[in-house]
Amino acid sequence: MNREIAKAQRQATASPGLLEKLMAAVRPEFRSDLVVFDPRDPVFGGPACAVPGCVRTARSQGLCPGHHQRWWRREGKPDLARFIATTDQQVAGPLSDSPTSSVVPACECKVSLAALAPQLKLEVQYVLQCRRDERLVRTQVTTVARMVRLLAGLPVASLLDWDEETLRTAFGRPAPKDAGPRTLVIYGVRKLEDLAEDHGWDTEYRRDVWRLRRLGRPTGGGSPARLRFNAIAQPWLKELAKRWVRWRLSTGLGSTAAARCVTAITRFAQFLATHEIGIDSLASVDRPVLERYLADLHVEFTGRPAHRTHVGLLNQFFNAIRQHSWDSSLPTTATFYPEDYPKHGEQLPRAVAEYVMVQVEHPSNLDQWDHPAYRLVTLILIRCGLRVSDALKLPFDCVVLVSCTGNSWSKWLYCGNGEDWAAEG
């Protein structure tokens, strides 16, 4: 054991101090070359097979893999309740007559870590312990075993030897295959990062790729998980960009907007790095350089919304440098004026051409709907000018007669929010 610890200490290159933290964090129940899981474990196991007497874990249709694949599917998927009540708890495999459901197969309850390097083994043990403690995601033992086999074949001594991007492309077979093991190992990298490093700006600021979850920022649902400064080649510009974005985030700027700020500075940095420009300091960024950059932006974006975004964000960047005295070498002429912003082009009319609407409204075309509800929704959209999302929110009884002129009634469509009404005809 002491020899293994000494070897792990020599391999602890990913993060200083991580090995000591792992030794203190991993509990004895996971500190073994052979990790054994209870079939009823809420994370690595699950409820028992619905067949009475079967001790294996249910996976599909409430059945263990043996009863589900070898009997239920082979018998043509009969009524499930009747099958559960009448089938035998003993399942013979297709190539063997030995029963397989009186005991849990080793592949469903045991994983050997013996092939892993000492520190890598400790890291996997810690990851499995975290997965168990959180009890948020059920993970099959076969998925754990597949992850271990893949790790054993990689030239790594620690999960932190590779970053998430590398793991997503080089771990296992090309996506979408090996999705379970890949997700588990990326989860492990994040847990180890949390263990090895403190959260907050002291850790993230010096990195070229900021992990927003470690700054307490929400990720997912359209929000970026990272801000990448690694494409800014100039150290002096990268440092100013980091300082500006950190300040913007601290004032309440959202992660998506912050990512646009990084994109704007990154494009400007790539422009400055071209051989025609050759700018090597902030003091050289003057008005003639910005005029050339405006021309370059026009070639790529020609007045599209991104054009104004790049000009506006870069101008805010220069203003912040002056406002906070981050670098006094910035020339006073390094600024954009209102005339530099591209003009808004005239948008094309959004109304559907009349000859198209004539075809859409023709009864023979409306009758092509195979469901009367679809035909009704189409008429509502046409006559009331509603969006599809608004039409789907309409209450059941939404038509109200509100006035009468002679023999003609006016019908209005109530949109369900207490305020909006749309004339139907």
Protein backbone atom coordinates (compact mmCIF):
# COMPACT_ATOMS: atom_id res chain seq x y z
CA MET A 1 0.00 0.00 0.00
CA ASN A 2 2.82 2.42 0.86
CA ARG A 3 4.46 1.62 -2.48
CA GLU A 4 1.23 2.49 -4.33
CA ILE A 5 0.90 5.78 -2.45
CA ALA A 6 4.48 6.70 -3.26
CA LYS A 7 3.88 5.93 -6.94
CA ALA A 8 0.70 8.01 -6.91
CA GLN A 9 2.59 10.93 -5.38
CA ARG A 10 5.04 10.89 -8.28
CA GLN A 11 2.14 10.90 -10.74
CA ALA A 12 0.24 13.74 -9.07
CA THR A 13 0.94 16.28 -11.79
CA ALA A 14 -2.56 17.52 -12.55
CA SER A 15 -3.11 19.55 -9.37
CA PRO A 16 -0.77 19.95 -6.40
CA GLY A 17 -2.32 18.75 -3.17
CA LEU A 18 -5.04 16.74 -4.88
CA LEU A 19 -3.66 13.38 -3.75
CA GLU A 20 -3.73 14.37 -0.09
CA LYS A 21 -7.30 15.60 -0.43
CA LEU A 22 -8.32 12.37 -2.11
CA MET A 23 -6.71 10.26 0.61
CA ALA A 24 -8.71 12.18 3.20
CA ALA A 25 -11.98 12.21 1.24
CA VAL A 26 -12.41 8.63 -0.03
CA ARG A 27 -14.16 6.47 2.55
CA PRO A 28 -13.09 2.88 3.31
CA GLU A 29 -16.16 1.39 1.62
CA PHE A 30 -14.87 2.67 -1.74
CA ARG A 31 -11.14 2.18 -1.03
CA SER A 32 -10.74 -1.17 -2.75
CA ASP A 33 -9.54 -2.58 -6.05
CA LEU A 34 -12.89 -4.37 -6.34
CA VAL A 35 -15.90 -2.14 -5.71
CA VAL A 36 -19.04 -4.13 -4.92
CA PHE A 37 -22.48 -2.52 -5.27
CA ASP A 38 -25.68 -3.59 -3.60
CA PRO A 39 -28.26 -4.52 -6.29
CA ARG A 40 -30.79 -2.40 -4.37
CA ASP A 41 -28.47 0.63 -4.24
CA PRO A 42 -30.55 3.72 -5.20
CA VAL A 43 -27.82 4.98 -7.57
CA PHE A 44 -25.88 1.98 -8.88
CA GLY A 45 -28.72 -0.51 -8.50
CA GLY A 46 -32.45 -0.16 -8.33
CA PRO A 47 -35.70 -1.95 -7.55
CA ALA A 48 -35.79 -5.70 -7.95
CA CYS A 49 -37.12 -7.39 -11.06
CA ALA A 50 -40.91 -7.61 -10.99
CA VAL A 51 -40.79 -11.39 -11.46
CA PRO A 52 -41.31 -12.91 -7.97
CA GLY A 53 -38.12 -14.41 -6.60
CA CYS A 54 -35.74 -12.78 -9.10
CA VAL A 55 -32.92 -10.95 -7.29
CA ARG A 56 -31.56 -9.01 -10.27
CA THR A 57 -32.13 -5.28 -10.76
CA ALA A 58 -34.98 -4.13 -12.98
CA ARG A 59 -33.87 -2.23 -16.08
CA SER A 60 -36.68 -2.20 -18.64
CA GLN A 61 -40.43 -2.64 -18.22
CA GLY A 62 -39.76 -3.42 -14.56
CA LEU A 63 -37.82 -6.55 -15.60
CA CYS A 64 -34.19 -7.52 -15.25
CA PRO A 65 -32.16 -7.89 -18.48
CA GLY A 66 -32.57 -11.67 -18.38
CA HIS A 67 -36.36 -11.72 -18.13
CA HIS A 68 -36.77 -8.73 -20.43
CA GLN A 69 -34.50 -9.77 -23.29
CA ARG A 70 -34.37 -13.54 -23.08
CA TRP A 71 -37.98 -14.29 -22.21
CA TRP A 72 -40.38 -11.39 -22.64
CA ARG A 73 -38.99 -10.16 -25.98
CA ARG A 74 -38.31 -13.69 -27.25
CA GLU A 75 -41.91 -14.67 -26.53
CA GLY A 76 -43.24 -11.80 -28.63
CA LYS A 77 -43.81 -9.24 -25.86
CA PRO A 78 -46.95 -10.76 -24.30
CA ASP A 79 -49.14 -8.97 -21.75
CA LEU A 80 -46.69 -7.77 -19.12
CA ALA A 81 -48.82 -8.44 -16.05
CA ARG A 82 -49.62 -11.97 -17.18
CA PHE A 83 -45.98 -12.60 -18.06
CA ILE A 84 -44.81 -11.47 -14.59
CA ALA A 85 -47.39 -13.65 -12.87
CA THR A 86 -46.65 -16.81 -14.85
CA THR A 87 -42.94 -16.78 -15.67
CA ASP A 88 -40.28 -18.63 -13.72
CA GLN A 89 -37.75 -16.72 -11.63
CA GLN A 90 -34.97 -18.89 -13.11
CA VAL A 91 -33.76 -17.63 -16.48
CA ALA A 92 -31.55 -19.79 -18.66
CA GLY A 93 -29.29 -17.96 -21.05
CA PRO A 94 -29.56 -18.63 -24.80
CA LEU A 95 -26.19 -20.40 -24.84
CA SER A 96 -26.39 -22.12 -21.50
CA ASP A 97 -28.86 -24.07 -19.42
CA SER A 98 -27.58 -22.63 -16.12
CA PRO A 99 -30.04 -20.36 -14.31
CA THR A 100 -28.99 -16.71 -14.15
CA SER A 101 -31.54 -14.97 -11.96
CA SER A 102 -31.01 -16.81 -8.68
CA VAL A 103 -27.79 -14.79 -8.30
CA VAL A 104 -26.81 -11.35 -9.52
CA PRO A 105 -24.19 -11.54 -12.32
CA ALA A 106 -20.83 -10.02 -11.40
CA CYS A 107 -21.09 -7.51 -14.27
CA GLU A 108 -24.16 -5.99 -12.58
CA CYS A 109 -22.72 -5.57 -9.08
CA LYS A 110 -18.89 -5.50 -9.24
CA VAL A 111 -16.27 -3.31 -10.90
CA SER A 112 -12.53 -3.98 -10.77
CA LEU A 113 -10.23 -0.94 -10.59
CA ALA A 114 -7.01 -2.95 -10.48
CA ALA A 115 -5.92 -1.90 -13.98
CA LEU A 116 -5.90 1.83 -13.12
CA ALA A 117 -2.86 3.82 -12.02
CA PRO A 118 -2.84 4.54 -8.26
CA GLN A 119 -3.99 8.16 -8.35
CA LEU A 120 -6.44 7.50 -11.18
CA LYS A 121 -7.89 4.69 -9.07
CA LEU A 122 -8.36 7.03 -6.10
CA GLU A 123 -10.03 9.58 -8.36
CA VAL A 124 -12.49 7.03 -9.75
CA GLN A 125 -13.28 5.88 -6.21
CA TYR A 126 -13.95 9.48 -5.23
CA VAL A 127 -16.18 10.02 -8.26
CA LEU A 128 -18.25 6.94 -7.44
CA GLN A 129 -18.54 8.10 -3.83
CA CYS A 130 -19.77 11.52 -4.94
CA ARG A 131 -22.29 9.93 -7.30
CA ARG A 132 -23.62 7.79 -4.46
CA ASP A 133 -23.77 10.68 -1.96
CA GLU A 134 -25.62 13.02 -4.33
CA ARG A 135 -28.26 10.43 -5.33
CA LEU A 136 -29.36 12.51 -8.29
CA VAL A 137 -28.66 10.27 -11.29
CA ARG A 138 -29.00 6.50 -11.52
CA THR A 139 -25.86 4.95 -13.03
CA GLN A 140 -25.64 1.37 -14.18
CA VAL A 141 -22.70 -0.69 -12.99
CA THR A 142 -22.01 -1.66 -16.59
CA THR A 143 -21.54 2.04 -17.38
CA VAL A 144 -19.00 2.34 -14.55
CA ALA A 145 -17.17 -0.73 -15.80
CA ARG A 146 -17.05 0.62 -19.35
CA MET A 147 -15.62 3.92 -18.08
CA VAL A 148 -12.91 2.06 -16.14
CA ARG A 149 -11.95 -0.03 -19.18
CA LEU A 150 -11.64 3.10 -21.32
CA LEU A 151 -9.55 4.90 -18.70
CA ALA A 152 -7.24 1.91 -18.36
CA GLY A 153 -6.39 2.19 -22.04
CA LEU A 154 -5.57 5.91 -22.00
CA PRO A 155 -2.12 7.46 -21.40
CA VAL A 156 -3.30 9.43 -18.36
CA ALA A 157 -2.36 9.23 -14.68
CA SER A 158 -5.18 11.54 -13.59
CA LEU A 159 -8.59 12.52 -14.90
CA LEU A 160 -7.35 16.11 -14.86
CA ASP A 161 -4.67 15.33 -17.44
CA TRP A 162 -7.34 15.95 -20.07
CA ASP A 163 -9.86 18.77 -20.16
CA GLU A 164 -13.57 18.38 -20.90
CA GLU A 165 -13.22 19.28 -24.57
CA THR A 166 -10.63 16.55 -25.10
CA LEU A 167 -12.73 14.00 -23.24
CA ARG A 168 -15.79 14.80 -25.35
CA THR A 169 -13.92 14.01 -28.56
CA ALA A 170 -11.31 11.40 -27.57
CA PHE A 171 -12.94 9.34 -24.82
CA GLY A 172 -14.50 6.13 -26.10
CA ARG A 173 -16.11 5.75 -29.46
CA PRO A 174 -17.29 8.81 -31.43
CA ALA A 175 -20.50 10.35 -30.15
CA PRO A 176 -23.27 9.41 -29.63
CA LYS A 177 -21.73 6.07 -28.66
CA ASP A 178 -20.32 5.67 -25.14
CA ALA A 179 -22.48 8.57 -23.98
CA GLY A 180 -22.96 7.09 -20.49
CA PRO A 181 -19.26 6.56 -19.69
CA ARG A 182 -18.36 9.90 -21.28
CA THR A 183 -20.93 11.75 -19.17
CA LEU A 184 -19.70 10.00 -16.03
CA VAL A 185 -16.04 10.82 -16.63
CA ILE A 186 -16.83 14.50 -17.37
CA TYR A 187 -18.86 14.60 -14.16
CA GLY A 188 -15.79 13.17 -12.43
CA VAL A 189 -13.49 15.86 -13.85
CA ARG A 190 -15.78 18.56 -12.47
CA LYS A 191 -15.94 16.95 -9.04
CA LEU A 192 -12.15 16.65 -8.93
CA GLU A 193 -11.74 20.28 -9.99
CA ASP A 194 -14.05 21.28 -7.16
CA LEU A 195 -11.99 19.23 -4.72
CA ALA A 196 -8.61 20.44 -5.96
CA GLU A 197 -9.33 24.14 -6.33
CA ASP A 198 -11.26 26.81 -4.49
CA HIS A 199 -14.23 28.45 -6.16
CA GLY A 200 -14.20 32.13 -7.06
CA TRP A 201 -12.17 34.67 -8.96
CA ASP A 202 -8.85 33.86 -7.29
CA THR A 203 -8.87 30.56 -9.15
CA GLU A 204 -10.70 31.36 -12.39
CA TYR A 205 -9.27 34.76 -13.28
CA ARG A 206 -5.80 33.45 -14.13
CA ARG A 207 -7.25 30.79 -16.45
CA ASP A 208 -7.71 31.45 -20.16
CA VAL A 209 -11.03 29.57 -20.08
CA TRP A 210 -13.37 30.62 -17.30
CA ARG A 211 -15.72 27.94 -15.98
CA LEU A 212 -18.80 29.94 -15.10
CA ARG A 213 -20.24 27.33 -12.73
CA ARG A 214 -17.21 27.92 -10.51
CA LEU A 215 -18.11 31.59 -10.39
CA GLY A 216 -21.64 30.85 -9.22
CA ARG A 217 -23.15 31.60 -12.62
CA PRO A 218 -26.04 29.51 -13.97
CA THR A 219 -25.26 27.37 -17.00
CA GLY A 220 -27.41 25.42 -19.41
CA GLY A 221 -30.72 26.46 -20.90
CA GLY A 222 -28.93 28.56 -23.51
CA SER A 223 -26.42 30.11 -21.11
CA PRO A 224 -22.75 29.40 -21.90
CA ALA A 225 -20.73 27.23 -19.56
CA ARG A 226 -17.41 28.91 -20.35
CA LEU A 227 -15.87 32.19 -21.43
CA ARG A 228 -12.85 31.60 -23.66
CA PHE A 229 -10.00 34.09 -23.83
CA ASN A 230 -7.52 31.57 -25.27
CA ALA A 231 -7.97 32.87 -28.84
CA ILE A 232 -6.65 36.33 -27.87
CA ALA A 233 -2.96 36.03 -28.74
CA GLN A 234 -1.79 39.40 -27.35
CA PRO A 235 -1.10 39.15 -23.57
CA TRP A 236 -1.67 42.88 -23.04
CA LEU A 237 -5.07 42.72 -24.77
CA LYS A 238 -6.07 39.46 -23.06
CA GLU A 239 -5.42 40.93 -19.61
CA LEU A 240 -7.52 44.01 -20.38
CA ALA A 241 -10.31 41.86 -21.83
CA LYS A 242 -10.38 39.70 -18.69
CA ARG A 243 -10.49 42.76 -16.47
CA TRP A 244 -13.30 44.31 -18.49
CA VAL A 245 -15.43 41.16 -18.58
CA ARG A 246 -14.91 40.51 -14.87
CA TRP A 247 -16.08 44.05 -14.14
CA ARG A 248 -19.12 43.64 -16.44
CA LEU A 249 -20.08 40.37 -14.74
CA SER A 250 -19.75 41.97 -11.30
CA THR A 251 -22.19 44.70 -12.34
CA GLY A 252 -24.85 42.11 -13.21
CA LEU A 253 -24.20 41.40 -16.87
CA GLY A 254 -25.57 38.03 -17.97
CA SER A 255 -23.34 35.20 -19.11
CA THR A 256 -24.63 35.29 -22.69
CA ALA A 257 -23.94 39.01 -23.00
CA ALA A 258 -20.49 38.48 -21.46
CA ALA A 259 -19.76 35.84 -24.10
CA ARG A 260 -20.59 38.43 -26.79
CA CYS A 261 -18.08 40.80 -25.18
CA VAL A 262 -15.37 38.14 -25.37
CA THR A 263 -16.26 37.41 -28.99
CA ALA A 264 -15.95 41.10 -29.93
CA ILE A 265 -12.49 41.46 -28.33
CA THR A 266 -11.36 38.14 -29.80
CA ARG A 267 -12.22 39.24 -33.32
CA PHE A 268 -10.43 42.56 -32.80
CA ALA A 269 -7.37 40.68 -31.49
CA GLN A 270 -7.31 38.46 -34.55
CA PHE A 271 -7.49 41.52 -36.78
CA LEU A 272 -4.57 43.15 -34.95
CA ALA A 273 -2.51 39.99 -35.30
CA THR A 274 -2.56 40.06 -39.10
CA HIS A 275 0.72 40.90 -40.80
CA GLU A 276 -0.75 44.01 -42.43
CA ILE A 277 -1.47 45.59 -39.04
CA GLY A 278 1.26 44.28 -36.72
CA ILE A 279 0.09 46.09 -33.57
CA ASP A 280 2.13 45.03 -30.54
CA SER A 281 0.84 47.39 -27.82
CA LEU A 282 -2.27 49.31 -26.80
CA ALA A 283 -0.51 52.59 -27.55
CA SER A 284 -0.57 51.72 -31.26
CA VAL A 285 -4.37 51.33 -31.38
CA ASP A 286 -5.28 54.72 -32.82
CA ARG A 287 -8.00 56.07 -35.06
CA PRO A 288 -6.40 54.95 -38.37
CA VAL A 289 -6.28 51.38 -37.04
CA LEU A 290 -9.94 51.55 -36.04
CA GLU A 291 -10.89 52.88 -39.47
CA ARG A 292 -9.22 49.87 -41.06
CA TYR A 293 -11.07 47.65 -38.61
CA LEU A 294 -14.39 49.27 -39.54
CA ALA A 295 -13.68 48.45 -43.18
CA ASP A 296 -12.84 44.87 -42.24
CA LEU A 297 -16.09 44.53 -40.27
CA HIS A 298 -18.06 45.88 -43.21
CA VAL A 299 -16.63 43.24 -45.53
CA GLU A 300 -17.72 40.43 -43.19
CA PHE A 301 -21.04 41.68 -41.83
CA THR A 302 -22.23 44.44 -44.25
CA GLY A 303 -24.67 46.06 -41.86
CA ARG A 304 -26.10 42.95 -40.21
CA PRO A 305 -26.97 43.23 -36.48
CA ALA A 306 -23.63 41.65 -35.52
CA HIS A 307 -21.91 44.58 -37.26
CA ARG A 308 -23.30 47.13 -34.79
CA THR A 309 -22.67 44.74 -31.89
CA HIS A 310 -18.94 44.46 -32.63
CA VAL A 311 -18.53 48.22 -33.02
CA GLY A 312 -20.57 49.03 -29.90
CA LEU A 313 -18.89 46.50 -27.61
CA LEU A 314 -15.38 47.49 -28.70
CA ASN A 315 -16.23 51.14 -28.04
CA GLN A 316 -17.51 50.21 -24.56
CA PHE A 317 -14.23 48.37 -23.99
CA PHE A 318 -12.19 51.47 -24.82
CA ASN A 319 -14.40 53.66 -22.65
CA ALA A 320 -13.99 51.31 -19.68
CA ILE A 321 -10.18 51.37 -20.04
CA ARG A 322 -10.25 55.17 -19.81
CA GLN A 323 -12.91 55.32 -17.11
CA HIS A 324 -11.06 52.97 -14.75
CA SER A 325 -7.52 54.03 -15.76
CA TRP A 326 -6.55 50.45 -16.58
CA ASP A 327 -4.00 51.56 -19.17
CA SER A 328 -3.13 55.20 -19.80
CA SER A 329 -1.34 54.41 -23.06
CA LEU A 330 -4.61 54.08 -25.01
CA PRO A 331 -4.67 56.99 -27.51
CA THR A 332 -7.48 59.49 -27.14
CA THR A 333 -8.33 58.97 -30.80
CA ALA A 334 -9.17 55.31 -30.17
CA THR A 335 -12.94 55.73 -30.20
CA PHE A 336 -15.93 55.26 -32.45
CA TYR A 337 -18.38 57.99 -33.37
CA PRO A 338 -22.11 57.74 -34.12
CA GLU A 339 -21.36 57.96 -37.85
CA ASP A 340 -19.20 54.81 -37.58
CA TYR A 341 -22.15 52.58 -36.74
CA PRO A 342 -23.82 50.91 -39.73
CA LYS A 343 -27.20 52.27 -40.68
CA HIS A 344 -30.27 50.13 -40.13
CA GLY A 345 -31.38 48.76 -43.47
CA GLU A 346 -35.00 48.71 -44.49
CA GLN A 347 -36.63 45.44 -43.59
CA LEU A 348 -38.72 43.60 -46.10
CA PRO A 349 -42.47 43.49 -45.40
CA ARG A 350 -43.44 40.50 -43.29
CA ALA A 351 -46.95 40.10 -44.67
CA VAL A 352 -47.63 37.01 -46.76
CA ALA A 353 -48.30 37.82 -50.41
CA GLU A 354 -51.98 37.99 -51.33
CA TYR A 355 -51.75 35.33 -54.03
CA VAL A 356 -50.27 32.95 -51.45
CA MET A 357 -53.04 33.66 -48.95
CA VAL A 358 -55.67 33.00 -51.61
CA GLN A 359 -54.26 29.52 -52.07
CA VAL A 360 -53.97 28.90 -48.31
CA GLU A 361 -57.57 30.00 -47.65
CA HIS A 362 -59.10 28.00 -50.48
CA PRO A 363 -61.46 25.36 -49.01
CA SER A 364 -59.89 22.56 -51.03
CA ASN A 365 -56.50 23.30 -49.50
CA LEU A 366 -57.88 23.68 -45.97
CA ASP A 367 -59.63 20.33 -46.39
CA GLN A 368 -56.25 18.64 -46.79
CA TRP A 369 -55.86 18.74 -43.00
CA ASP A 370 -56.49 15.24 -41.65
CA HIS A 371 -57.80 16.59 -38.32
CA PRO A 372 -60.55 19.18 -37.84
CA ALA A 373 -58.66 20.84 -34.98
CA TYR A 374 -55.73 21.63 -37.28
CA ARG A 375 -58.09 23.22 -39.81
CA LEU A 376 -59.69 25.33 -37.07
CA VAL A 377 -56.33 26.52 -35.73
CA THR A 378 -55.29 27.51 -39.27
CA LEU A 379 -58.42 29.65 -39.64
CA ILE A 380 -57.83 31.27 -36.26
CA LEU A 381 -54.26 32.13 -37.21
CA ILE A 382 -55.35 33.65 -40.51
CA ARG A 383 -58.33 35.67 -39.29
CA CYS A 384 -56.97 36.84 -35.94
CA GLY A 385 -53.31 37.30 -36.74
CA LEU A 386 -52.18 35.18 -33.82
CA ARG A 387 -48.92 33.33 -33.48
CA VAL A 388 -49.03 29.56 -33.15
CA SER A 389 -47.83 29.80 -29.54
CA ASP A 390 -50.66 32.25 -28.72
CA ALA A 391 -53.27 30.09 -30.42
CA LEU A 392 -52.22 27.09 -28.35
CA LYS A 393 -52.90 29.09 -25.17
CA LEU A 394 -56.49 29.98 -26.07
CA PRO A 395 -59.12 28.94 -23.49
CA PHE A 396 -61.68 26.34 -24.51
CA ASP A 397 -64.66 28.76 -24.74
CA CYS A 398 -62.96 31.79 -26.28
CA VAL A 399 -65.58 33.14 -28.74
CA VAL A 400 -67.87 35.85 -27.36
CA LEU A 401 -70.70 37.72 -29.16
CA VAL A 402 -70.27 41.37 -28.12
CA SER A 403 -72.44 43.51 -30.42
CA CYS A 404 -75.27 43.35 -32.90
CA THR A 405 -75.95 45.70 -35.84
CA GLY A 406 -79.12 44.78 -37.64
CA ASN A 407 -78.81 41.10 -38.48
CA SER A 408 -75.02 41.06 -38.20
CA TRP A 409 -73.19 39.89 -35.10
CA SER A 410 -69.54 40.75 -34.40
CA LYS A 411 -67.56 37.88 -32.94
CA TRP A 412 -64.40 38.42 -30.89
CA LEU A 413 -61.81 35.96 -29.86
CA TYR A 414 -60.73 36.17 -26.23
CA CYS A 415 -57.01 35.38 -25.93
CA GLY A 416 -57.19 34.33 -22.30
CA ASN A 417 -54.99 36.87 -20.55
CA GLY A 418 -57.70 39.27 -19.37
CA GLU A 419 -56.77 42.03 -21.81
CA ASP A 420 -56.30 40.90 -25.40
CA TRP A 421 -59.19 40.53 -27.79
CA ALA A 422 -58.96 39.89 -31.51
CA ALA A 423 -61.77 40.47 -33.99
CA GLU A 424 -62.72 37.34 -35.87
CA GLY A 425 -65.13 38.90 -38.33
